[in-house]
Amino acid sequence: MFHWSLHYFPLAPIFLLGLVVLVGVVIALVEVGLLRYAYEKVGVSQRYIFAILVFSLLGSYVNIPVAQLPAQEVLSNQEASYFGMRYVIPLVTEWPGTVIAVNLGGAVIPLLLSGYLIWKHAMYRQAIWGVLIVATVVHVLAHPVRGVGIAVPIFIPPILAAGVAILLARRFAPALAYVAGSLGTLIGADLLNLDQIQTLGAPVASIGGAGTFDGIFLTGILAVLLA
């Protein structure tokens, strides 16, 4: 039961369906050439756009355990709401406490892609400042949600990241927007609030998962368009 309960989609079905539809629209626009220039500006070849978006969405189902907090009462088999979004609390039995995990689609893939973009555009200084600014603002706005973990308003990361990227580096703003939005959200919302996790009754506290995945995923789409 332990391993099965680690893997689940972080959003309620209706919101997950919304992201699937959004991915479909973006892929269609890419295929007809309307978004090709935008993604080329990010630094991702058109042939890889579909794979990155789909793997990020499907990867949100996979949580990789990295630590375990002492056993406490945890919530189970519920949905929690914050800022209009509904997040899934998995069904668990005989759970050992709160498991700290890393989400494949919301943390691992964005981290790898961000590292590649920073290297490709040699934007080390701009990336540091962008991530620092976004992480600071997101940390202030981050909100603890019982049974889920830390959540942020869904549109804050992409909009903030786009604005910061334009100010810091207009020449490669789309790439910087993705990096600042993804890493800034992971650091500001999840990593800087790990000390609160044990009090929230969450069976799984997933870095890049429920509470922040939606904002990080939309950063990969909206930050490019806004930038």
C-alpha atoms as a PDB file:
ATOM      1  CA  MET A   1       0.000   0.000   0.000  1.00  0.00           C
ATOM      2  CA  PHE A   2       2.906   2.328   0.719  1.00  0.00           C
ATOM      3  CA  HIS A   3       4.355   2.306  -2.801  1.00  0.00           C
ATOM      4  CA  TRP A   4       0.977   2.381  -4.550  1.00  0.00           C
ATOM      5  CA  SER A   5      -0.175   5.416  -2.598  1.00  0.00           C
ATOM      6  CA  LEU A   6       2.930   7.385  -3.525  1.00  0.00           C
ATOM      7  CA  HIS A   7       1.808   7.575  -7.144  1.00  0.00           C
ATOM      8  CA  TYR A   8      -1.295   9.590  -8.010  1.00  0.00           C
ATOM      9  CA  PHE A   9      -2.223  12.607 -10.094  1.00  0.00           C
ATOM     10  CA  PRO A  10      -2.029  15.722  -7.894  1.00  0.00           C
ATOM     11  CA  LEU A  11      -5.064  17.511  -9.360  1.00  0.00           C
ATOM     12  CA  ALA A  12      -8.746  16.615  -9.205  1.00  0.00           C
ATOM     13  CA  PRO A  13      -9.925  14.963 -12.473  1.00  0.00           C
ATOM     14  CA  ILE A  14     -11.699  18.033 -13.877  1.00  0.00           C
ATOM     15  CA  PHE A  15      -8.581  20.212 -13.464  1.00  0.00           C
ATOM     16  CA  LEU A  16      -6.312  17.489 -14.824  1.00  0.00           C
ATOM     17  CA  LEU A  17      -8.592  17.279 -17.866  1.00  0.00           C
ATOM     18  CA  GLY A  18      -8.246  21.038 -18.271  1.00  0.00           C
ATOM     19  CA  LEU A  19      -4.454  20.731 -18.470  1.00  0.00           C
ATOM     20  CA  VAL A  20      -4.777  17.885 -20.985  1.00  0.00           C
ATOM     21  CA  VAL A  21      -6.997  20.067 -23.182  1.00  0.00           C
ATOM     22  CA  LEU A  22      -4.543  22.965 -22.833  1.00  0.00           C
ATOM     23  CA  VAL A  23      -1.662  20.723 -23.931  1.00  0.00           C
ATOM     24  CA  GLY A  24      -3.728  19.631 -26.930  1.00  0.00           C
ATOM     25  CA  VAL A  25      -4.361  23.246 -27.932  1.00  0.00           C
ATOM     26  CA  VAL A  26      -0.679  24.152 -27.567  1.00  0.00           C
ATOM     27  CA  ILE A  27       0.447  21.154 -29.622  1.00  0.00           C
ATOM     28  CA  ALA A  28      -2.078  22.029 -32.321  1.00  0.00           C
ATOM     29  CA  LEU A  29      -0.784  25.609 -32.466  1.00  0.00           C
ATOM     30  CA  VAL A  30       2.777  24.339 -32.670  1.00  0.00           C
ATOM     31  CA  GLU A  31       1.900  21.974 -35.499  1.00  0.00           C
ATOM     32  CA  VAL A  32       0.344  24.773 -37.578  1.00  0.00           C
ATOM     33  CA  GLY A  33       3.366  26.942 -36.895  1.00  0.00           C
ATOM     34  CA  LEU A  34       1.778  29.629 -34.692  1.00  0.00           C
ATOM     35  CA  LEU A  35       3.928  28.865 -31.635  1.00  0.00           C
ATOM     36  CA  ARG A  36       7.016  27.555 -33.391  1.00  0.00           C
ATOM     37  CA  TYR A  37       8.893  30.845 -33.078  1.00  0.00           C
ATOM     38  CA  ALA A  38       8.054  31.157 -29.363  1.00  0.00           C
ATOM     39  CA  TYR A  39       9.462  27.748 -28.500  1.00  0.00           C
ATOM     40  CA  GLU A  40      12.490  28.282 -30.680  1.00  0.00           C
ATOM     41  CA  LYS A  41      13.148  31.408 -28.620  1.00  0.00           C
ATOM     42  CA  VAL A  42      13.011  29.262 -25.489  1.00  0.00           C
ATOM     43  CA  GLY A  43      15.667  27.013 -26.954  1.00  0.00           C
ATOM     44  CA  VAL A  44      13.669  23.799 -27.357  1.00  0.00           C
ATOM     45  CA  SER A  45      13.430  22.148 -30.756  1.00  0.00           C
ATOM     46  CA  GLN A  46       9.909  21.753 -32.097  1.00  0.00           C
ATOM     47  CA  ARG A  47      10.301  17.984 -32.267  1.00  0.00           C
ATOM     48  CA  TYR A  48      10.752  17.821 -28.480  1.00  0.00           C
ATOM     49  CA  ILE A  49       7.911  20.148 -27.466  1.00  0.00           C
ATOM     50  CA  PHE A  50       5.248  17.453 -27.494  1.00  0.00           C
ATOM     51  CA  ALA A  51       7.401  15.018 -25.529  1.00  0.00           C
ATOM     52  CA  ILE A  52       8.292  17.559 -22.829  1.00  0.00           C
ATOM     53  CA  LEU A  53       4.690  18.636 -22.278  1.00  0.00           C
ATOM     54  CA  VAL A  54       3.290  15.107 -22.254  1.00  0.00           C
ATOM     55  CA  PHE A  55       6.045  13.670 -20.055  1.00  0.00           C
ATOM     56  CA  SER A  56       5.634  16.552 -17.621  1.00  0.00           C
ATOM     57  CA  LEU A  57       1.901  15.920 -17.374  1.00  0.00           C
ATOM     58  CA  LEU A  58       2.194  12.139 -17.093  1.00  0.00           C
ATOM     59  CA  GLY A  59       5.201  12.503 -14.801  1.00  0.00           C
ATOM     60  CA  SER A  60       3.035  14.329 -12.254  1.00  0.00           C
ATOM     61  CA  TYR A  61       1.721  10.850 -11.363  1.00  0.00           C
ATOM     62  CA  VAL A  62       5.146   9.653 -10.193  1.00  0.00           C
ATOM     63  CA  ASN A  63       6.549  10.625  -6.784  1.00  0.00           C
ATOM     64  CA  ILE A  64      10.056   9.523  -5.862  1.00  0.00           C
ATOM     65  CA  PRO A  65      10.449   9.131  -2.054  1.00  0.00           C
ATOM     66  CA  VAL A  66      13.531  10.761  -0.543  1.00  0.00           C
ATOM     67  CA  ALA A  67      12.743  11.017   3.196  1.00  0.00           C
ATOM     68  CA  GLN A  68      10.178  10.194   5.844  1.00  0.00           C
ATOM     69  CA  LEU A  69       8.994  12.286   8.785  1.00  0.00           C
ATOM     70  CA  PRO A  70       7.936  10.723  12.115  1.00  0.00           C
ATOM     71  CA  ALA A  71       4.477   9.210  12.197  1.00  0.00           C
ATOM     72  CA  GLN A  72       1.571  11.566  12.877  1.00  0.00           C
ATOM     73  CA  GLU A  73      -2.124  11.563  12.051  1.00  0.00           C
ATOM     74  CA  VAL A  74      -2.547  12.076   8.312  1.00  0.00           C
ATOM     75  CA  LEU A  75      -5.549  12.819   6.114  1.00  0.00           C
ATOM     76  CA  SER A  76      -6.620  10.265   3.500  1.00  0.00           C
ATOM     77  CA  ASN A  77      -8.833   9.871   0.424  1.00  0.00           C
ATOM     78  CA  GLN A  78     -10.022  13.479   0.246  1.00  0.00           C
ATOM     79  CA  GLU A  79      -9.752  16.556  -1.923  1.00  0.00           C
ATOM     80  CA  ALA A  80      -8.481  19.922  -0.701  1.00  0.00           C
ATOM     81  CA  SER A  81      -9.234  23.281  -2.285  1.00  0.00           C
ATOM     82  CA  TYR A  82      -7.104  26.408  -2.532  1.00  0.00           C
ATOM     83  CA  PHE A  83      -7.493  29.455  -4.766  1.00  0.00           C
ATOM     84  CA  GLY A  84     -10.054  27.707  -6.980  1.00  0.00           C
ATOM     85  CA  MET A  85      -7.947  24.574  -7.528  1.00  0.00           C
ATOM     86  CA  ARG A  86      -8.746  21.169  -6.081  1.00  0.00           C
ATOM     87  CA  TYR A  87      -5.924  18.828  -5.074  1.00  0.00           C
ATOM     88  CA  VAL A  88      -6.067  15.088  -4.423  1.00  0.00           C
ATOM     89  CA  ILE A  89      -5.148  13.563  -1.051  1.00  0.00           C
ATOM     90  CA  PRO A  90      -4.401   9.872  -1.781  1.00  0.00           C
ATOM     91  CA  LEU A  91      -6.056   6.927  -0.087  1.00  0.00           C
ATOM     92  CA  VAL A  92      -3.696   5.440   2.496  1.00  0.00           C
ATOM     93  CA  THR A  93      -3.854   2.749   5.174  1.00  0.00           C
ATOM     94  CA  GLU A  94      -1.288   2.041   7.900  1.00  0.00           C
ATOM     95  CA  TRP A  95       0.728   5.004   6.641  1.00  0.00           C
ATOM     96  CA  PRO A  96       4.074   5.539   8.447  1.00  0.00           C
ATOM     97  CA  GLY A  97       3.811   9.340   8.601  1.00  0.00           C
ATOM     98  CA  THR A  98       4.583  12.037   6.033  1.00  0.00           C
ATOM     99  CA  VAL A  99       6.720  10.886   3.121  1.00  0.00           C
ATOM    100  CA  ILE A 100       8.832  13.576   1.449  1.00  0.00           C
ATOM    101  CA  ALA A 101       8.964  12.882  -2.280  1.00  0.00           C
ATOM    102  CA  VAL A 102      10.158  14.516  -5.489  1.00  0.00           C
ATOM    103  CA  ASN A 103       7.619  14.711  -8.304  1.00  0.00           C
ATOM    104  CA  LEU A 104       8.903  13.566 -11.693  1.00  0.00           C
ATOM    105  CA  GLY A 105       6.797  15.910 -13.830  1.00  0.00           C
ATOM    106  CA  GLY A 106       6.808  18.920 -11.521  1.00  0.00           C
ATOM    107  CA  ALA A 107      10.392  18.845 -10.240  1.00  0.00           C
ATOM    108  CA  VAL A 108      12.777  16.452 -12.014  1.00  0.00           C
ATOM    109  CA  ILE A 109      11.864  17.358 -15.608  1.00  0.00           C
ATOM    110  CA  PRO A 110      11.726  21.150 -14.951  1.00  0.00           C
ATOM    111  CA  LEU A 111      15.055  20.952 -13.109  1.00  0.00           C
ATOM    112  CA  LEU A 112      16.760  19.139 -15.994  1.00  0.00           C
ATOM    113  CA  LEU A 113      15.268  21.419 -18.632  1.00  0.00           C
ATOM    114  CA  SER A 114      16.156  24.536 -16.623  1.00  0.00           C
ATOM    115  CA  GLY A 115      19.752  23.372 -16.294  1.00  0.00           C
ATOM    116  CA  TYR A 116      19.925  22.812 -20.051  1.00  0.00           C
ATOM    117  CA  LEU A 117      18.472  26.257 -20.831  1.00  0.00           C
ATOM    118  CA  ILE A 118      20.844  28.010 -18.414  1.00  0.00           C
ATOM    119  CA  TRP A 119      23.798  26.273 -20.052  1.00  0.00           C
ATOM    120  CA  LYS A 120      22.617  26.825 -23.626  1.00  0.00           C
ATOM    121  CA  HIS A 121      22.023  30.568 -23.200  1.00  0.00           C
ATOM    122  CA  ALA A 122      24.899  31.087 -20.722  1.00  0.00           C
ATOM    123  CA  MET A 123      22.520  33.108 -18.547  1.00  0.00           C
ATOM    124  CA  TYR A 124      24.002  32.170 -15.187  1.00  0.00           C
ATOM    125  CA  ARG A 125      23.816  35.588 -13.534  1.00  0.00           C
ATOM    126  CA  GLN A 126      20.351  36.375 -14.878  1.00  0.00           C
ATOM    127  CA  ALA A 127      19.089  32.952 -13.817  1.00  0.00           C
ATOM    128  CA  ILE A 128      20.321  33.447 -10.263  1.00  0.00           C
ATOM    129  CA  TRP A 129      18.579  36.817  -9.960  1.00  0.00           C
ATOM    130  CA  GLY A 130      15.416  35.610 -11.672  1.00  0.00           C
ATOM    131  CA  VAL A 131      15.087  32.547  -9.475  1.00  0.00           C
ATOM    132  CA  LEU A 132      15.851  34.608  -6.369  1.00  0.00           C
ATOM    133  CA  ILE A 133      13.142  37.188  -7.136  1.00  0.00           C
ATOM    134  CA  VAL A 134      10.466  34.620  -8.023  1.00  0.00           C
ATOM    135  CA  ALA A 135      11.347  32.411  -5.048  1.00  0.00           C
ATOM    136  CA  THR A 136      11.059  35.374  -2.665  1.00  0.00           C
ATOM    137  CA  VAL A 137       7.629  36.446  -3.919  1.00  0.00           C
ATOM    138  CA  VAL A 138       6.299  32.893  -4.148  1.00  0.00           C
ATOM    139  CA  HIS A 139       7.516  32.173  -0.618  1.00  0.00           C
ATOM    140  CA  VAL A 140       5.537  35.147   0.690  1.00  0.00           C
ATOM    141  CA  LEU A 141       2.393  34.006  -1.155  1.00  0.00           C
ATOM    142  CA  ALA A 142       2.758  30.277  -0.409  1.00  0.00           C
ATOM    143  CA  HIS A 143      -0.048  28.873   1.715  1.00  0.00           C
ATOM    144  CA  PRO A 144      -0.102  25.649   3.774  1.00  0.00           C
ATOM    145  CA  VAL A 145      -3.029  23.384   2.863  1.00  0.00           C
ATOM    146  CA  ARG A 146      -4.053  20.571   5.207  1.00  0.00           C
ATOM    147  CA  GLY A 147      -3.456  17.130   3.732  1.00  0.00           C
ATOM    148  CA  VAL A 148      -1.691  18.514   0.655  1.00  0.00           C
ATOM    149  CA  GLY A 149       1.345  20.572   1.598  1.00  0.00           C
ATOM    150  CA  ILE A 150       2.238  24.020   0.316  1.00  0.00           C
ATOM    151  CA  ALA A 151       0.166  25.658  -2.425  1.00  0.00           C
ATOM    152  CA  VAL A 152       0.509  28.853  -4.453  1.00  0.00           C
ATOM    153  CA  PRO A 153      -2.021  30.698  -6.651  1.00  0.00           C
ATOM    154  CA  ILE A 154      -1.821  28.983 -10.028  1.00  0.00           C
ATOM    155  CA  PHE A 155      -1.115  32.008 -12.260  1.00  0.00           C
ATOM    156  CA  ILE A 156       1.393  33.795 -10.020  1.00  0.00           C
ATOM    157  CA  PRO A 157       4.549  31.826 -11.043  1.00  0.00           C
ATOM    158  CA  PRO A 158       4.169  32.177 -14.856  1.00  0.00           C
ATOM    159  CA  ILE A 159       3.083  35.832 -14.807  1.00  0.00           C
ATOM    160  CA  LEU A 160       5.746  36.838 -12.308  1.00  0.00           C
ATOM    161  CA  ALA A 161       8.439  34.866 -14.136  1.00  0.00           C
ATOM    162  CA  ALA A 162       7.543  36.459 -17.469  1.00  0.00           C
ATOM    163  CA  GLY A 163       7.752  39.972 -16.037  1.00  0.00           C
ATOM    164  CA  VAL A 164      11.056  39.306 -14.294  1.00  0.00           C
ATOM    165  CA  ALA A 165      12.538  37.717 -17.420  1.00  0.00           C
ATOM    166  CA  ILE A 166      11.656  40.703 -19.597  1.00  0.00           C
ATOM    167  CA  LEU A 167      13.300  43.075 -17.141  1.00  0.00           C
ATOM    168  CA  LEU A 168      16.462  41.009 -16.696  1.00  0.00           C
ATOM    169  CA  ALA A 169      17.131  39.655 -20.174  1.00  0.00           C
ATOM    170  CA  ARG A 170      14.774  40.594 -22.994  1.00  0.00           C
ATOM    171  CA  ARG A 171      16.975  38.822 -25.572  1.00  0.00           C
ATOM    172  CA  PHE A 172      16.302  35.369 -24.110  1.00  0.00           C
ATOM    173  CA  ALA A 173      13.327  36.240 -21.924  1.00  0.00           C
ATOM    174  CA  PRO A 174      11.254  33.106 -22.754  1.00  0.00           C
ATOM    175  CA  ALA A 175      14.011  30.753 -21.586  1.00  0.00           C
ATOM    176  CA  LEU A 176      14.681  32.799 -18.455  1.00  0.00           C
ATOM    177  CA  ALA A 177      10.948  32.921 -17.716  1.00  0.00           C
ATOM    178  CA  TYR A 178      10.794  29.134 -17.690  1.00  0.00           C
ATOM    179  CA  VAL A 179      13.862  28.807 -15.477  1.00  0.00           C
ATOM    180  CA  ALA A 180      12.829  31.511 -13.006  1.00  0.00           C
ATOM    181  CA  GLY A 181       9.221  30.306 -12.834  1.00  0.00           C
ATOM    182  CA  SER A 182      10.029  26.629 -12.392  1.00  0.00           C
ATOM    183  CA  LEU A 183      13.003  26.812 -10.026  1.00  0.00           C
ATOM    184  CA  GLY A 184      11.646  29.862  -8.195  1.00  0.00           C
ATOM    185  CA  THR A 185       8.403  28.032  -7.421  1.00  0.00           C
ATOM    186  CA  LEU A 186      10.142  24.847  -6.320  1.00  0.00           C
ATOM    187  CA  ILE A 187      12.446  26.769  -3.987  1.00  0.00           C
ATOM    188  CA  GLY A 188      10.066  29.435  -2.722  1.00  0.00           C
ATOM    189  CA  ALA A 189       7.024  27.229  -2.174  1.00  0.00           C
ATOM    190  CA  ASP A 190       8.331  23.739  -1.457  1.00  0.00           C
ATOM    191  CA  LEU A 191      11.933  23.780  -0.261  1.00  0.00           C
ATOM    192  CA  LEU A 192      11.672  26.865   1.958  1.00  0.00           C
ATOM    193  CA  ASN A 193       8.547  25.485   3.652  1.00  0.00           C
ATOM    194  CA  LEU A 194       9.681  21.954   4.434  1.00  0.00           C
ATOM    195  CA  ASP A 195       9.659  22.829   8.127  1.00  0.00           C
ATOM    196  CA  GLN A 196       5.844  23.201   7.999  1.00  0.00           C
ATOM    197  CA  ILE A 197       5.086  19.928   6.259  1.00  0.00           C
ATOM    198  CA  GLN A 198       4.897  17.697   9.323  1.00  0.00           C
ATOM    199  CA  THR A 199       2.060  19.737  10.846  1.00  0.00           C
ATOM    200  CA  LEU A 200      -0.219  19.563   7.791  1.00  0.00           C
ATOM    201  CA  GLY A 201      -1.297  15.910   7.973  1.00  0.00           C
ATOM    202  CA  ALA A 202      -0.186  15.215   4.409  1.00  0.00           C
ATOM    203  CA  PRO A 203       0.566  11.534   3.703  1.00  0.00           C
ATOM    204  CA  VAL A 204       2.817  12.597   0.818  1.00  0.00           C
ATOM    205  CA  ALA A 205       4.565  15.970   0.635  1.00  0.00           C
ATOM    206  CA  SER A 206       5.666  16.035  -2.983  1.00  0.00           C
ATOM    207  CA  ILE A 207       8.170  18.657  -4.121  1.00  0.00           C
ATOM    208  CA  GLY A 208       6.762  19.901  -7.414  1.00  0.00           C
ATOM    209  CA  GLY A 209       3.574  17.898  -6.861  1.00  0.00           C
ATOM    210  CA  ALA A 210       0.185  18.866  -5.451  1.00  0.00           C
ATOM    211  CA  GLY A 211       0.022  22.562  -4.622  1.00  0.00           C
ATOM    212  CA  THR A 212       2.751  23.683  -6.998  1.00  0.00           C
ATOM    213  CA  PHE A 213       2.593  21.387 -10.053  1.00  0.00           C
ATOM    214  CA  ASP A 214      -0.145  23.399 -11.760  1.00  0.00           C
ATOM    215  CA  GLY A 215       1.813  26.644 -11.474  1.00  0.00           C
ATOM    216  CA  ILE A 216       5.049  25.023 -12.636  1.00  0.00           C
ATOM    217  CA  PHE A 217       3.349  23.289 -15.563  1.00  0.00           C
ATOM    218  CA  LEU A 218       1.652  26.469 -16.721  1.00  0.00           C
ATOM    219  CA  THR A 219       4.979  28.264 -16.497  1.00  0.00           C
ATOM    220  CA  GLY A 220       6.165  26.026 -19.316  1.00  0.00           C
ATOM    221  CA  ILE A 221       3.266  27.261 -21.451  1.00  0.00           C
ATOM    222  CA  LEU A 222       2.190  30.720 -20.342  1.00  0.00           C
ATOM    223  CA  ALA A 223       5.581  32.180 -19.481  1.00  0.00           C
ATOM    224  CA  VAL A 224       6.684  31.627 -23.069  1.00  0.00           C
ATOM    225  CA  LEU A 225       3.624  33.365 -24.488  1.00  0.00           C
ATOM    226  CA  LEU A 226       3.737  36.226 -22.013  1.00  0.00           C
ATOM    227  CA  ALA A 227       7.447  36.772 -22.536  1.00  0.00           C
END
